[in-house]
Amino acid sequence: MRKLKKGDDVVIIAGKDKGKRGLILRVESPSQVVVQGVNSVKKHQKPNPAKGSIGGIIDREMPIHVSNVAIYNFASKQTDRVGFKIDINKNKTRIYKSTGEVIES
């Protein structure tokens, strides 16, 4: 089980977009995630009639390392760390380290 998943609300804690908040759109690899509205670059794209894409300059979000993001805790209104807890039925759940509450996702 990974600490960060698609759909988690995270805050950027390092880099050019420090302080921005957004949702994880996808997990690229165990160490890279793509966050909505963060680390966006301009990409020059050629038209491809076979795929139906038009050419031009497009904005695109690029992956960011997981060490530069922290999950947002809505209860405390600040960033938090993720831990794991195993219950009696051997189910592993993600929890906030500061409060011990289960992360809903």
PDB file of N, CA and C in Angstrom:
ATOM      1  N   MET A   1       0.847  -1.177   0.000  1.00  0.00           N
ATOM      2  CA  MET A   1       0.000   0.000   0.000  1.00  0.00           C
ATOM      3  C   MET A   1       0.893   1.241   0.000  1.00  0.00           C
ATOM      4  N   ARG A   2       0.546   2.187  -0.824  1.00  0.00           N
ATOM      5  CA  ARG A   2       1.325   3.417  -0.916  1.00  0.00           C
ATOM      6  C   ARG A   2       0.770   4.478   0.015  1.00  0.00           C
ATOM      7  N   LYS A   3       1.651   5.392   0.400  1.00  0.00           N
ATOM      8  CA  LYS A   3       1.223   6.457   1.304  1.00  0.00           C
ATOM      9  C   LYS A   3       0.355   7.486   0.598  1.00  0.00           C
ATOM     10  N   LEU A   4       0.642   7.764  -0.675  1.00  0.00           N
ATOM     11  CA  LEU A   4      -0.135   8.725  -1.450  1.00  0.00           C
ATOM     12  C   LEU A   4      -0.834   8.004  -2.585  1.00  0.00           C
ATOM     13  N   LYS A   5      -2.118   8.344  -2.797  1.00  0.00           N
ATOM     14  CA  LYS A   5      -2.919   7.705  -3.832  1.00  0.00           C
ATOM     15  C   LYS A   5      -3.571   8.757  -4.716  1.00  0.00           C
ATOM     16  N   LYS A   6      -4.092   8.307  -5.844  1.00  0.00           N
ATOM     17  CA  LYS A   6      -4.844   9.176  -6.744  1.00  0.00           C
ATOM     18  C   LYS A   6      -6.063   9.724  -6.002  1.00  0.00           C
ATOM     19  N   GLY A   7      -6.281  11.037  -6.127  1.00  0.00           N
ATOM     20  CA  GLY A   7      -7.422  11.670  -5.473  1.00  0.00           C
ATOM     21  C   GLY A   7      -7.106  12.302  -4.132  1.00  0.00           C
ATOM     22  N   ASP A   8      -5.904  12.082  -3.591  1.00  0.00           N
ATOM     23  CA  ASP A   8      -5.522  12.694  -2.322  1.00  0.00           C
ATOM     24  C   ASP A   8      -5.285  14.191  -2.513  1.00  0.00           C
ATOM     25  N   ASP A   9      -5.667  14.980  -1.521  1.00  0.00           N
ATOM     26  CA  ASP A   9      -5.410  16.422  -1.528  1.00  0.00           C
ATOM     27  C   ASP A   9      -4.046  16.641  -0.880  1.00  0.00           C
ATOM     28  N   VAL A  10      -3.109  17.235  -1.634  1.00  0.00           N
ATOM     29  CA  VAL A  10      -1.747  17.405  -1.147  1.00  0.00           C
ATOM     30  C   VAL A  10      -1.306  18.861  -1.257  1.00  0.00           C
ATOM     31  N   VAL A  11      -0.254  19.192  -0.503  1.00  0.00           N
ATOM     32  CA  VAL A  11       0.362  20.512  -0.532  1.00  0.00           C
ATOM     33  C   VAL A  11       1.815  20.327  -0.948  1.00  0.00           C
ATOM     34  N   ILE A  12       2.290  21.215  -1.819  1.00  0.00           N
ATOM     35  CA  ILE A  12       3.681  21.163  -2.261  1.00  0.00           C
ATOM     36  C   ILE A  12       4.530  21.823  -1.175  1.00  0.00           C
ATOM     37  N   ILE A  13       5.549  21.107  -0.683  1.00  0.00           N
ATOM     38  CA  ILE A  13       6.363  21.620   0.418  1.00  0.00           C
ATOM     39  C   ILE A  13       7.747  22.067  -0.029  1.00  0.00           C
ATOM     40  N   ALA A  14       8.111  21.824  -1.297  1.00  0.00           N
ATOM     41  CA  ALA A  14       9.424  22.246  -1.789  1.00  0.00           C
ATOM     42  C   ALA A  14       9.341  22.459  -3.290  1.00  0.00           C
ATOM     43  N   GLY A  15      10.197  23.334  -3.798  1.00  0.00           N
ATOM     44  CA  GLY A  15      10.263  23.578  -5.233  1.00  0.00           C
ATOM     45  C   GLY A  15       9.637  24.892  -5.626  1.00  0.00           C
ATOM     46  N   LYS A  16       9.493  25.085  -6.948  1.00  0.00           N
ATOM     47  CA  LYS A  16       9.005  26.362  -7.466  1.00  0.00           C
ATOM     48  C   LYS A  16       7.534  26.617  -7.153  1.00  0.00           C
ATOM     49  N   ASP A  17       6.772  25.571  -6.898  1.00  0.00           N
ATOM     50  CA  ASP A  17       5.351  25.699  -6.591  1.00  0.00           C
ATOM     51  C   ASP A  17       5.053  25.517  -5.109  1.00  0.00           C
ATOM     52  N   LYS A  18       6.004  25.801  -4.250  1.00  0.00           N
ATOM     53  CA  LYS A  18       5.856  25.606  -2.810  1.00  0.00           C
ATOM     54  C   LYS A  18       4.643  26.354  -2.279  1.00  0.00           C
ATOM     55  N   GLY A  19       3.819  25.663  -1.481  1.00  0.00           N
ATOM     56  CA  GLY A  19       2.635  26.269  -0.886  1.00  0.00           C
ATOM     57  C   GLY A  19       1.358  26.012  -1.652  1.00  0.00           C
ATOM     58  N   LYS A  20       1.448  25.560  -2.913  1.00  0.00           N
ATOM     59  CA  LYS A  20       0.243  25.295  -3.696  1.00  0.00           C
ATOM     60  C   LYS A  20      -0.397  23.991  -3.244  1.00  0.00           C
ATOM     61  N   ARG A  21      -1.716  23.928  -3.428  1.00  0.00           N
ATOM     62  CA  ARG A  21      -2.472  22.756  -3.032  1.00  0.00           C
ATOM     63  C   ARG A  21      -3.228  22.210  -4.239  1.00  0.00           C
ATOM     64  N   GLY A  22      -3.322  20.898  -4.340  1.00  0.00           N
ATOM     65  CA  GLY A  22      -4.037  20.297  -5.456  1.00  0.00           C
ATOM     66  C   GLY A  22      -4.273  18.813  -5.236  1.00  0.00           C
ATOM     67  N   LEU A  23      -5.017  18.219  -6.153  1.00  0.00           N
ATOM     68  CA  LEU A  23      -5.323  16.794  -6.093  1.00  0.00           C
ATOM     69  C   LEU A  23      -4.307  16.005  -6.905  1.00  0.00           C
ATOM     70  N   ILE A  24      -4.028  14.794  -6.464  1.00  0.00           N
ATOM     71  CA  ILE A  24      -3.148  13.915  -7.232  1.00  0.00           C
ATOM     72  C   ILE A  24      -3.966  13.356  -8.387  1.00  0.00           C
ATOM     73  N   LEU A  25      -3.509  13.643  -9.618  1.00  0.00           N
ATOM     74  CA  LEU A  25      -4.206  13.156 -10.800  1.00  0.00           C
ATOM     75  C   LEU A  25      -3.830  11.722 -11.129  1.00  0.00           C
ATOM     76  N   ARG A  26      -2.546  11.399 -10.998  1.00  0.00           N
ATOM     77  CA  ARG A  26      -2.098  10.028 -11.241  1.00  0.00           C
ATOM     78  C   ARG A  26      -0.754   9.807 -10.567  1.00  0.00           C
ATOM     79  N   VAL A  27      -0.460   8.544 -10.311  1.00  0.00           N
ATOM     80  CA  VAL A  27       0.813   8.144  -9.731  1.00  0.00           C
ATOM     81  C   VAL A  27       1.643   7.568 -10.872  1.00  0.00           C
ATOM     82  N   GLU A  28       2.730   8.245 -11.235  1.00  0.00           N
ATOM     83  CA  GLU A  28       3.560   7.814 -12.359  1.00  0.00           C
ATOM     84  C   GLU A  28       4.409   6.601 -11.999  1.00  0.00           C
ATOM     85  N   SER A  29       5.032   6.630 -10.851  1.00  0.00           N
ATOM     86  CA  SER A  29       5.879   5.543 -10.369  1.00  0.00           C
ATOM     87  C   SER A  29       5.831   5.616  -8.841  1.00  0.00           C
ATOM     88  N   PRO A  30       6.491   4.697  -8.138  1.00  0.00           N
ATOM     89  CA  PRO A  30       6.457   4.793  -6.670  1.00  0.00           C
ATOM     90  C   PRO A  30       7.027   6.102  -6.121  1.00  0.00           C
ATOM     91  N   SER A  31       7.824   6.808  -6.924  1.00  0.00           N
ATOM     92  CA  SER A  31       8.434   8.039  -6.420  1.00  0.00           C
ATOM     93  C   SER A  31       7.963   9.306  -7.130  1.00  0.00           C
ATOM     94  N   GLN A  32       7.062   9.216  -8.093  1.00  0.00           N
ATOM     95  CA  GLN A  32       6.616  10.378  -8.855  1.00  0.00           C
ATOM     96  C   GLN A  32       5.091  10.439  -8.895  1.00  0.00           C
ATOM     97  N   VAL A  33       4.544  11.643  -8.667  1.00  0.00           N
ATOM     98  CA  VAL A  33       3.100  11.866  -8.780  1.00  0.00           C
ATOM     99  C   VAL A  33       2.849  13.112  -9.623  1.00  0.00           C
ATOM    100  N   VAL A  34       1.673  13.163 -10.246  1.00  0.00           N
ATOM    101  CA  VAL A  34       1.261  14.338 -11.013  1.00  0.00           C
ATOM    102  C   VAL A  34       0.143  15.008 -10.225  1.00  0.00           C
ATOM    103  N   VAL A  35       0.361  16.292  -9.881  1.00  0.00           N
ATOM    104  CA  VAL A  35      -0.595  17.055  -9.073  1.00  0.00           C
ATOM    105  C   VAL A  35      -1.261  18.098  -9.961  1.00  0.00           C
ATOM    106  N   GLN A  36      -2.565  18.256  -9.795  1.00  0.00           N
ATOM    107  CA  GLN A  36      -3.348  19.188 -10.596  1.00  0.00           C
ATOM    108  C   GLN A  36      -2.879  20.623 -10.384  1.00  0.00           C
ATOM    109  N   GLY A  37      -2.513  21.303 -11.474  1.00  0.00           N
ATOM    110  CA  GLY A  37      -2.130  22.707 -11.432  1.00  0.00           C
ATOM    111  C   GLY A  37      -0.739  22.977 -10.897  1.00  0.00           C
ATOM    112  N   VAL A  38       0.080  21.954 -10.748  1.00  0.00           N
ATOM    113  CA  VAL A  38       1.422  22.108 -10.178  1.00  0.00           C
ATOM    114  C   VAL A  38       2.448  21.592 -11.174  1.00  0.00           C
ATOM    115  N   ASN A  39       3.597  22.260 -11.231  1.00  0.00           N
ATOM    116  CA  ASN A  39       4.701  21.879 -12.116  1.00  0.00           C
ATOM    117  C   ASN A  39       4.239  21.825 -13.571  1.00  0.00           C
ATOM    118  N   SER A  40       3.482  22.844 -13.985  1.00  0.00           N
ATOM    119  CA  SER A  40       2.990  22.876 -15.360  1.00  0.00           C
ATOM    120  C   SER A  40       4.049  23.500 -16.270  1.00  0.00           C
ATOM    121  N   VAL A  41       4.185  22.917 -17.452  1.00  0.00           N
ATOM    122  CA  VAL A  41       5.152  23.382 -18.442  1.00  0.00           C
ATOM    123  C   VAL A  41       4.425  23.595 -19.759  1.00  0.00           C
ATOM    124  N   LYS A  42       5.035  24.368 -20.632  1.00  0.00           N
ATOM    125  CA  LYS A  42       4.484  24.582 -21.967  1.00  0.00           C
ATOM    126  C   LYS A  42       5.144  23.579 -22.901  1.00  0.00           C
ATOM    127  N   LYS A  43       4.324  22.832 -23.615  1.00  0.00           N
ATOM    128  CA  LYS A  43       4.824  21.810 -24.529  1.00  0.00           C
ATOM    129  C   LYS A  43       4.411  22.175 -25.944  1.00  0.00           C
ATOM    130  N   HIS A  44       5.371  22.128 -26.861  1.00  0.00           N
ATOM    131  CA  HIS A  44       5.105  22.382 -28.270  1.00  0.00           C
ATOM    132  C   HIS A  44       4.699  21.053 -28.901  1.00  0.00           C
ATOM    133  N   GLN A  45       3.457  20.977 -29.351  1.00  0.00           N
ATOM    134  CA  GLN A  45       2.927  19.723 -29.850  1.00  0.00           C
ATOM    135  C   GLN A  45       2.622  19.822 -31.339  1.00  0.00           C
ATOM    136  N   LYS A  46       3.067  18.810 -32.077  1.00  0.00           N
ATOM    137  CA  LYS A  46       2.769  18.742 -33.506  1.00  0.00           C
ATOM    138  C   LYS A  46       1.368  18.188 -33.691  1.00  0.00           C
ATOM    139  N   PRO A  47       0.674  18.612 -34.756  1.00  0.00           N
ATOM    140  CA  PRO A  47      -0.656  18.059 -34.998  1.00  0.00           C
ATOM    141  C   PRO A  47      -0.562  16.594 -35.425  1.00  0.00           C
ATOM    142  N   ASN A  48      -1.543  15.802 -34.975  1.00  0.00           N
ATOM    143  CA  ASN A  48      -1.604  14.392 -35.341  1.00  0.00           C
ATOM    144  C   ASN A  48      -3.038  14.077 -35.757  1.00  0.00           C
ATOM    145  N   PRO A  49      -3.303  14.085 -37.072  1.00  0.00           N
ATOM    146  CA  PRO A  49      -4.673  13.845 -37.532  1.00  0.00           C
ATOM    147  C   PRO A  49      -5.188  12.443 -37.181  1.00  0.00           C
ATOM    148  N   ALA A  50      -4.300  11.472 -37.063  1.00  0.00           N
ATOM    149  CA  ALA A  50      -4.728  10.107 -36.742  1.00  0.00           C
ATOM    150  C   ALA A  50      -5.348  10.034 -35.341  1.00  0.00           C
ATOM    151  N   LYS A  51      -4.767  10.781 -34.399  1.00  0.00           N
ATOM    152  CA  LYS A  51      -5.288  10.803 -33.034  1.00  0.00           C
ATOM    153  C   LYS A  51      -6.323  11.906 -32.833  1.00  0.00           C
ATOM    154  N   GLY A  52      -6.409  12.809 -33.792  1.00  0.00           N
ATOM    155  CA  GLY A  52      -7.361  13.907 -33.687  1.00  0.00           C
ATOM    156  C   GLY A  52      -6.871  15.062 -32.838  1.00  0.00           C
ATOM    157  N   SER A  53      -5.558  15.129 -32.576  1.00  0.00           N
ATOM    158  CA  SER A  53      -5.030  16.227 -31.763  1.00  0.00           C
ATOM    159  C   SER A  53      -4.538  17.351 -32.663  1.00  0.00           C
ATOM    160  N   ILE A  54      -4.786  18.568 -32.202  1.00  0.00           N
ATOM    161  CA  ILE A  54      -4.336  19.731 -32.959  1.00  0.00           C
ATOM    162  C   ILE A  54      -2.973  20.157 -32.439  1.00  0.00           C
ATOM    163  N   GLY A  55      -2.247  20.877 -33.253  1.00  0.00           N
ATOM    164  CA  GLY A  55      -0.917  21.329 -32.864  1.00  0.00           C
ATOM    165  C   GLY A  55      -0.978  22.646 -32.119  1.00  0.00           C
ATOM    166  N   GLY A  56       0.156  23.029 -31.552  1.00  0.00           N
ATOM    167  CA  GLY A  56       0.245  24.292 -30.855  1.00  0.00           C
ATOM    168  C   GLY A  56       0.981  24.153 -29.549  1.00  0.00           C
ATOM    169  N   ILE A  57       0.907  25.181 -28.732  1.00  0.00           N
ATOM    170  CA  ILE A  57       1.557  25.184 -27.426  1.00  0.00           C
ATOM    171  C   ILE A  57       0.501  24.865 -26.378  1.00  0.00           C
ATOM    172  N   ILE A  58       0.722  23.798 -25.628  1.00  0.00           N
ATOM    173  CA  ILE A  58      -0.246  23.375 -24.618  1.00  0.00           C
ATOM    174  C   ILE A  58       0.403  23.405 -23.238  1.00  0.00           C
ATOM    175  N   ASP A  59      -0.417  23.643 -22.213  1.00  0.00           N
ATOM    176  CA  ASP A  59       0.053  23.545 -20.832  1.00  0.00           C
ATOM    177  C   ASP A  59      -0.156  22.119 -20.364  1.00  0.00           C
ATOM    178  N   ARG A  60       0.851  21.586 -19.679  1.00  0.00           N
ATOM    179  CA  ARG A  60       0.789  20.192 -19.240  1.00  0.00           C
ATOM    180  C   ARG A  60       1.438  20.071 -17.870  1.00  0.00           C
ATOM    181  N   GLU A  61       0.817  19.291 -16.976  1.00  0.00           N
ATOM    182  CA  GLU A  61       1.400  19.039 -15.660  1.00  0.00           C
ATOM    183  C   GLU A  61       2.425  17.908 -15.781  1.00  0.00           C
ATOM    184  N   MET A  62       3.583  18.114 -15.188  1.00  0.00           N
ATOM    185  CA  MET A  62       4.641  17.114 -15.204  1.00  0.00           C
ATOM    186  C   MET A  62       4.758  16.497 -13.811  1.00  0.00           C
ATOM    187  N   PRO A  63       5.366  15.308 -13.736  1.00  0.00           N
ATOM    188  CA  PRO A  63       5.487  14.636 -12.433  1.00  0.00           C
ATOM    189  C   PRO A  63       6.370  15.407 -11.461  1.00  0.00           C
ATOM    190  N   ILE A  64       6.104  15.213 -10.176  1.00  0.00           N
ATOM    191  CA  ILE A  64       6.883  15.813  -9.108  1.00  0.00           C
ATOM    192  C   ILE A  64       7.211  14.696  -8.119  1.00  0.00           C
ATOM    193  N   HIS A  65       8.357  14.789  -7.475  1.00  0.00           N
ATOM    194  CA  HIS A  65       8.795  13.740  -6.565  1.00  0.00           C
ATOM    195  C   HIS A  65       7.930  13.732  -5.310  1.00  0.00           C
ATOM    196  N   VAL A  66       7.653  12.531  -4.775  1.00  0.00           N
ATOM    197  CA  VAL A  66       6.771  12.411  -3.618  1.00  0.00           C
ATOM    198  C   VAL A  66       7.368  13.044  -2.359  1.00  0.00           C
ATOM    199  N   SER A  67       8.686  13.219  -2.319  1.00  0.00           N
ATOM    200  CA  SER A  67       9.291  13.859  -1.149  1.00  0.00           C
ATOM    201  C   SER A  67       8.968  15.347  -1.092  1.00  0.00           C
ATOM    202  N   ASN A  68       8.486  15.910  -2.197  1.00  0.00           N
ATOM    203  CA  ASN A  68       8.156  17.329  -2.249  1.00  0.00           C
ATOM    204  C   ASN A  68       6.680  17.612  -2.014  1.00  0.00           C
ATOM    205  N   VAL A  69       5.897  16.591  -1.690  1.00  0.00           N
ATOM    206  CA  VAL A  69       4.476  16.789  -1.399  1.00  0.00           C
ATOM    207  C   VAL A  69       4.138  16.200  -0.036  1.00  0.00           C
ATOM    208  N   ALA A  70       3.125  16.778   0.602  1.00  0.00           N
ATOM    209  CA  ALA A  70       2.637  16.280   1.892  1.00  0.00           C
ATOM    210  C   ALA A  70       1.121  16.290   1.844  1.00  0.00           C
ATOM    211  N   ILE A  71       0.506  15.292   2.442  1.00  0.00           N
ATOM    212  CA  ILE A  71      -0.952  15.183   2.429  1.00  0.00           C
ATOM    213  C   ILE A  71      -1.548  16.288   3.314  1.00  0.00           C
ATOM    214  N   TYR A  72      -2.737  16.773   2.912  1.00  0.00           N
ATOM    215  CA  TYR A  72      -3.410  17.856   3.630  1.00  0.00           C
ATOM    216  C   TYR A  72      -4.457  17.260   4.563  1.00  0.00           C
ATOM    217  N   ASN A  73      -4.378  17.636   5.826  1.00  0.00           N
ATOM    218  CA  ASN A  73      -5.326  17.172   6.833  1.00  0.00           C
ATOM    219  C   ASN A  73      -6.401  18.243   7.000  1.00  0.00           C
ATOM    220  N   PHE A  74      -7.644  17.927   6.634  1.00  0.00           N
ATOM    221  CA  PHE A  74      -8.729  18.911   6.690  1.00  0.00           C
ATOM    222  C   PHE A  74      -9.120  19.246   8.119  1.00  0.00           C
ATOM    223  N   ALA A  75      -8.935  18.324   9.045  1.00  0.00           N
ATOM    224  CA  ALA A  75      -9.308  18.572  10.438  1.00  0.00           C
ATOM    225  C   ALA A  75      -8.406  19.621  11.072  1.00  0.00           C
ATOM    226  N   SER A  76      -7.105  19.508  10.854  1.00  0.00           N
ATOM    227  CA  SER A  76      -6.167  20.446  11.468  1.00  0.00           C
ATOM    228  C   SER A  76      -5.796  21.602  10.539  1.00  0.00           C
ATOM    229  N   LYS A  77      -6.254  21.563   9.294  1.00  0.00           N
ATOM    230  CA  LYS A  77      -5.996  22.608   8.292  1.00  0.00           C
ATOM    231  C   LYS A  77      -4.506  22.819   8.020  1.00  0.00           C
ATOM    232  N   GLN A  78      -3.725  21.730   8.067  1.00  0.00           N
ATOM    233  CA  GLN A  78      -2.303  21.813   7.734  1.00  0.00           C
ATOM    234  C   GLN A  78      -1.820  20.471   7.208  1.00  0.00           C
ATOM    235  N   THR A  79      -0.558  20.451   6.773  1.00  0.00           N
ATOM    236  CA  THR A  79      -0.011  19.221   6.216  1.00  0.00           C
ATOM    237  C   THR A  79       0.237  18.202   7.311  1.00  0.00           C
ATOM    238  N   ASP A  80       0.325  16.958   6.904  1.00  0.00           N
ATOM    239  CA  ASP A  80       0.496  15.879   7.859  1.00  0.00           C
ATOM    240  C   ASP A  80       1.297  14.758   7.213  1.00  0.00           C
ATOM    241  N   ARG A  81       1.735  13.813   8.046  1.00  0.00           N
ATOM    242  CA  ARG A  81       2.420  12.631   7.543  1.00  0.00           C
ATOM    243  C   ARG A  81       1.450  11.461   7.545  1.00  0.00           C
ATOM    244  N   VAL A  82       1.759  10.471   6.741  1.00  0.00           N
ATOM    245  CA  VAL A  82       0.888   9.311   6.604  1.00  0.00           C
ATOM    246  C   VAL A  82       1.521   8.124   7.303  1.00  0.00           C
ATOM    247  N   GLY A  83       0.707   7.398   8.075  1.00  0.00           N
ATOM    248  CA  GLY A  83       1.149   6.177   8.716  1.00  0.00           C
ATOM    249  C   GLY A  83       0.180   5.060   8.388  1.00  0.00           C
ATOM    250  N   PHE A  84       0.479   3.880   8.851  1.00  0.00           N
ATOM    251  CA  PHE A  84      -0.376   2.733   8.609  1.00  0.00           C
ATOM    252  C   PHE A  84      -0.799   2.098   9.919  1.00  0.00           C
ATOM    253  N   LYS A  85      -1.996   1.524   9.906  1.00  0.00           N
ATOM    254  CA  LYS A  85      -2.508   0.839  11.083  1.00  0.00           C
ATOM    255  C   LYS A  85      -3.159  -0.464  10.620  1.00  0.00           C
ATOM    256  N   ILE A  86      -2.858  -1.546  11.313  1.00  0.00           N
ATOM    257  CA  ILE A  86      -3.443  -2.838  10.987  1.00  0.00           C
ATOM    258  C   ILE A  86      -4.454  -3.180  12.073  1.00  0.00           C
ATOM    259  N   ASP A  87      -5.698  -3.421  11.655  1.00  0.00           N
ATOM    260  CA  ASP A  87      -6.745  -3.716  12.637  1.00  0.00           C
ATOM    261  C   ASP A  87      -6.803  -5.213  12.948  1.00  0.00           C
ATOM    262  N   ILE A  88      -7.807  -5.606  13.698  1.00  0.00           N
ATOM    263  CA  ILE A  88      -7.943  -6.991  14.156  1.00  0.00           C
ATOM    264  C   ILE A  88      -8.114  -7.965  12.985  1.00  0.00           C
ATOM    265  N   ASN A  89      -8.797  -7.523  11.930  1.00  0.00           N
ATOM    266  CA  ASN A  89      -9.054  -8.376  10.768  1.00  0.00           C
ATOM    267  C   ASN A  89      -7.910  -8.367   9.758  1.00  0.00           C
ATOM    268  N   LYS A  90      -6.745  -7.874  10.162  1.00  0.00           N
ATOM    269  CA  LYS A  90      -5.545  -7.816   9.309  1.00  0.00           C
ATOM    270  C   LYS A  90      -5.720  -6.888   8.107  1.00  0.00           C
ATOM    271  N   ASN A  91      -6.583  -5.879   8.222  1.00  0.00           N
ATOM    272  CA  ASN A  91      -6.752  -4.881   7.165  1.00  0.00           C
ATOM    273  C   ASN A  91      -5.829  -3.708   7.442  1.00  0.00           C
ATOM    274  N   LYS A  92      -5.093  -3.300   6.419  1.00  0.00           N
ATOM    275  CA  LYS A  92      -4.146  -2.201   6.549  1.00  0.00           C
ATOM    276  C   LYS A  92      -4.826  -0.912   6.085  1.00  0.00           C
ATOM    277  N   THR A  93      -4.831   0.117   6.927  1.00  0.00           N
ATOM    278  CA  THR A  93      -5.441   1.394   6.577  1.00  0.00           C
ATOM    279  C   THR A  93      -4.435   2.514   6.772  1.00  0.00           C
ATOM    280  N   ARG A  94      -4.629   3.590   6.003  1.00  0.00           N
ATOM    281  CA  ARG A  94      -3.775   4.771   6.136  1.00  0.00           C
ATOM    282  C   ARG A  94      -4.349   5.684   7.209  1.00  0.00           C
ATOM    283  N   ILE A  95      -3.465   6.281   8.021  1.00  0.00           N
ATOM    284  CA  ILE A  95      -3.899   7.201   9.074  1.00  0.00           C
ATOM    285  C   ILE A  95      -3.035   8.452   9.039  1.00  0.00           C
ATOM    286  N   TYR A  96      -3.577   9.542   9.604  1.00  0.00           N
ATOM    287  CA  TYR A  96      -2.783  10.747   9.821  1.00  0.00           C
ATOM    288  C   TYR A  96      -1.932  10.523  11.057  1.00  0.00           C
ATOM    289  N   LYS A  97      -0.646  10.833  10.978  1.00  0.00           N
ATOM    290  CA  LYS A  97       0.264  10.604  12.099  1.00  0.00           C
ATOM    291  C   LYS A  97      -0.069  11.488  13.304  1.00  0.00           C
ATOM    292  N   SER A  98      -0.506  12.725  13.091  1.00  0.00           N
ATOM    293  CA  SER A  98      -0.727  13.651  14.186  1.00  0.00           C
ATOM    294  C   SER A  98      -1.964  13.306  15.003  1.00  0.00           C
ATOM    295  N   THR A  99      -3.031  12.881  14.329  1.00  0.00           N
ATOM    296  CA  THR A  99      -4.291  12.641  15.030  1.00  0.00           C
ATOM    297  C   THR A  99      -4.657  11.155  15.136  1.00  0.00           C
ATOM    298  N   GLY A 100      -4.124  10.345  14.272  1.00  0.00           N
ATOM    299  CA  GLY A 100      -4.460   8.917  14.274  1.00  0.00           C
ATOM    300  C   GLY A 100      -5.765   8.604  13.558  1.00  0.00           C
ATOM    301  N   GLU A 101      -6.376   9.610  12.902  1.00  0.00           N
ATOM    302  CA  GLU A 101      -7.627   9.398  12.176  1.00  0.00           C
ATOM    303  C   GLU A 101      -7.352   8.674  10.871  1.00  0.00           C
ATOM    304  N   VAL A 102      -8.340   7.907  10.424  1.00  0.00           N
ATOM    305  CA  VAL A 102      -8.220   7.181   9.159  1.00  0.00           C
ATOM    306  C   VAL A 102      -8.399   8.154   7.999  1.00  0.00           C
ATOM    307  N   ILE A 103      -7.576   8.001   6.966  1.00  0.00           N
ATOM    308  CA  ILE A 103      -7.659   8.835   5.772  1.00  0.00           C
ATOM    309  C   ILE A 103      -8.743   8.270   4.875  1.00  0.00           C
ATOM    310  N   GLU A 104      -9.732   9.086   4.550  1.00  0.00           N
ATOM    311  CA  GLU A 104     -10.837   8.654   3.699  1.00  0.00           C
ATOM    312  C   GLU A 104     -10.445   8.794   2.244  1.00  0.00           C
ATOM    313  N   SER A 105     -10.478   7.675   1.507  1.00  0.00           N
ATOM    314  CA  SER A 105     -10.252   7.710   0.056  1.00  0.00           C
ATOM    315  C   SER A 105     -10.616   6.419  -0.581  1.00  0.00           C
TER     316      SER A 105
END
